[in-house]
Amino acid sequence: MPIVVNLDVMMAKRKMSLNELSEKVDLTLSNLSILKTGKAKAIRFSTLEAICKVLDCQPGDILEFLDEEN
C-alpha cells in the first residue's frame, strides 16, 4: 500500500504507549491498533486532528506516501 502509517514512530518519539494514546484521543484500543499497524482503510479528520494534538505533530508526521513505482 502506498500510504504508510508512522504512528508507532511518533508514539515512540513522545514515549507514549498505545493505552495512553487511546485514553487521551478517546478511541478504542482495537481501532487505534488497526490504525497503528497500517490495516485501516480510512481515518476521520477529527481522529487525525486529535492524534496530532496529543502527539504534538503534523498529519505528515503520521501518514507518508510511498510511490511503489520507484
C-alpha atoms as a PDB file:
ATOM      1  CA  MET A   1       0.000   0.000   0.000  1.00  0.00           C
ATOM      2  CA  PRO A   2       1.482   3.385  -0.923  1.00  0.00           C
ATOM      3  CA  ILE A   3       0.259   5.096   2.279  1.00  0.00           C
ATOM      4  CA  VAL A   4       2.402   4.216   5.293  1.00  0.00           C
ATOM      5  CA  VAL A   5       1.238   4.921   8.845  1.00  0.00           C
ATOM      6  CA  ASN A   6       4.103   6.036  11.096  1.00  0.00           C
ATOM      7  CA  LEU A   7       2.008   6.283  14.250  1.00  0.00           C
ATOM      8  CA  ASP A   8       4.306   3.898  16.132  1.00  0.00           C
ATOM      9  CA  VAL A   9       7.308   6.106  15.293  1.00  0.00           C
ATOM     10  CA  MET A  10       5.617   9.239  16.650  1.00  0.00           C
ATOM     11  CA  MET A  11       4.437   7.389  19.751  1.00  0.00           C
ATOM     12  CA  ALA A  12       7.996   6.198  20.411  1.00  0.00           C
ATOM     13  CA  LYS A  13       9.365   9.738  19.969  1.00  0.00           C
ATOM     14  CA  ARG A  14       6.824  11.013  22.509  1.00  0.00           C
ATOM     15  CA  LYS A  15       7.353   7.981  24.785  1.00  0.00           C
ATOM     16  CA  MET A  16       3.631   7.264  24.768  1.00  0.00           C
ATOM     17  CA  SER A  17       2.005   3.843  24.970  1.00  0.00           C
ATOM     18  CA  LEU A  18      -0.933   2.714  22.884  1.00  0.00           C
ATOM     19  CA  ASN A  19      -3.081   2.590  26.032  1.00  0.00           C
ATOM     20  CA  GLU A  20      -2.192   6.164  26.986  1.00  0.00           C
ATOM     21  CA  LEU A  21      -2.862   7.473  23.474  1.00  0.00           C
ATOM     22  CA  SER A  22      -6.130   5.570  23.354  1.00  0.00           C
ATOM     23  CA  GLU A  23      -7.318   7.260  26.552  1.00  0.00           C
ATOM     24  CA  LYS A  24      -6.226  10.746  25.500  1.00  0.00           C
ATOM     25  CA  VAL A  25      -7.722  10.505  21.990  1.00  0.00           C
ATOM     26  CA  ASP A  26     -10.866   8.722  23.226  1.00  0.00           C
ATOM     27  CA  LEU A  27     -10.512   5.948  20.668  1.00  0.00           C
ATOM     28  CA  THR A  28     -10.818   2.244  21.377  1.00  0.00           C
ATOM     29  CA  LEU A  29      -7.588   0.342  21.755  1.00  0.00           C
ATOM     30  CA  SER A  30      -8.562  -2.013  18.939  1.00  0.00           C
ATOM     31  CA  ASN A  31      -9.298   0.812  16.466  1.00  0.00           C
ATOM     32  CA  LEU A  32      -6.055   2.569  17.349  1.00  0.00           C
ATOM     33  CA  SER A  33      -4.184  -0.703  16.935  1.00  0.00           C
ATOM     34  CA  ILE A  34      -5.700  -1.196  13.460  1.00  0.00           C
ATOM     35  CA  LEU A  35      -4.516   2.277  12.522  1.00  0.00           C
ATOM     36  CA  LYS A  36      -1.054   1.737  14.017  1.00  0.00           C
ATOM     37  CA  THR A  37      -0.488  -1.497  12.113  1.00  0.00           C
ATOM     38  CA  GLY A  38      -1.499   0.106   8.812  1.00  0.00           C
ATOM     39  CA  LYS A  39      -4.568  -2.102   8.357  1.00  0.00           C
ATOM     40  CA  ALA A  40      -7.020   0.823   8.417  1.00  0.00           C
ATOM     41  CA  LYS A  41      -8.682   1.737   5.124  1.00  0.00           C
ATOM     42  CA  ALA A  42      -9.590   5.282   6.213  1.00  0.00           C
ATOM     43  CA  ILE A  43      -9.215   7.772   9.040  1.00  0.00           C
ATOM     44  CA  ARG A  44     -11.554  10.585  10.010  1.00  0.00           C
ATOM     45  CA  PHE A  45     -10.067  14.062  10.026  1.00  0.00           C
ATOM     46  CA  SER A  46     -11.357  14.517  13.573  1.00  0.00           C
ATOM     47  CA  THR A  47      -9.427  11.424  14.677  1.00  0.00           C
ATOM     48  CA  LEU A  48      -6.295  12.574  12.863  1.00  0.00           C
ATOM     49  CA  GLU A  49      -6.666  16.014  14.457  1.00  0.00           C
ATOM     50  CA  ALA A  50      -6.993  14.525  17.943  1.00  0.00           C
ATOM     51  CA  ILE A  51      -3.936  12.305  17.445  1.00  0.00           C
ATOM     52  CA  CYS A  52      -1.894  15.258  16.156  1.00  0.00           C
ATOM     53  CA  LYS A  53      -2.919  17.382  19.145  1.00  0.00           C
ATOM     54  CA  VAL A  54      -1.967  14.707  21.660  1.00  0.00           C
ATOM     55  CA  LEU A  55       1.323  13.824  19.948  1.00  0.00           C
ATOM     56  CA  ASP A  56       2.094  17.463  19.087  1.00  0.00           C
ATOM     57  CA  CYS A  57       2.791  16.677  15.442  1.00  0.00           C
ATOM     58  CA  GLN A  58       1.557  17.267  11.905  1.00  0.00           C
ATOM     59  CA  PRO A  59      -0.516  14.811   9.800  1.00  0.00           C
ATOM     60  CA  GLY A  60       2.539  14.319   7.572  1.00  0.00           C
ATOM     61  CA  ASP A  61       4.449  13.006  10.592  1.00  0.00           C
ATOM     62  CA  ILE A  62       1.919  10.182  10.865  1.00  0.00           C
ATOM     63  CA  LEU A  63       0.969   9.498   7.234  1.00  0.00           C
ATOM     64  CA  GLU A  64       3.511   9.071   4.454  1.00  0.00           C
ATOM     65  CA  PHE A  65       3.061   8.407   0.726  1.00  0.00           C
ATOM     66  CA  LEU A  66       5.488   5.952  -0.851  1.00  0.00           C
ATOM     67  CA  ASP A  67       5.498   5.678  -4.603  1.00  0.00           C
ATOM     68  CA  GLU A  68       5.641   1.946  -5.338  1.00  0.00           C
ATOM     69  CA  GLU A  69       6.918   2.559  -8.859  1.00  0.00           C
ATOM     70  CA  ASN A  70      10.228   3.978  -7.640  1.00  0.00           C
END
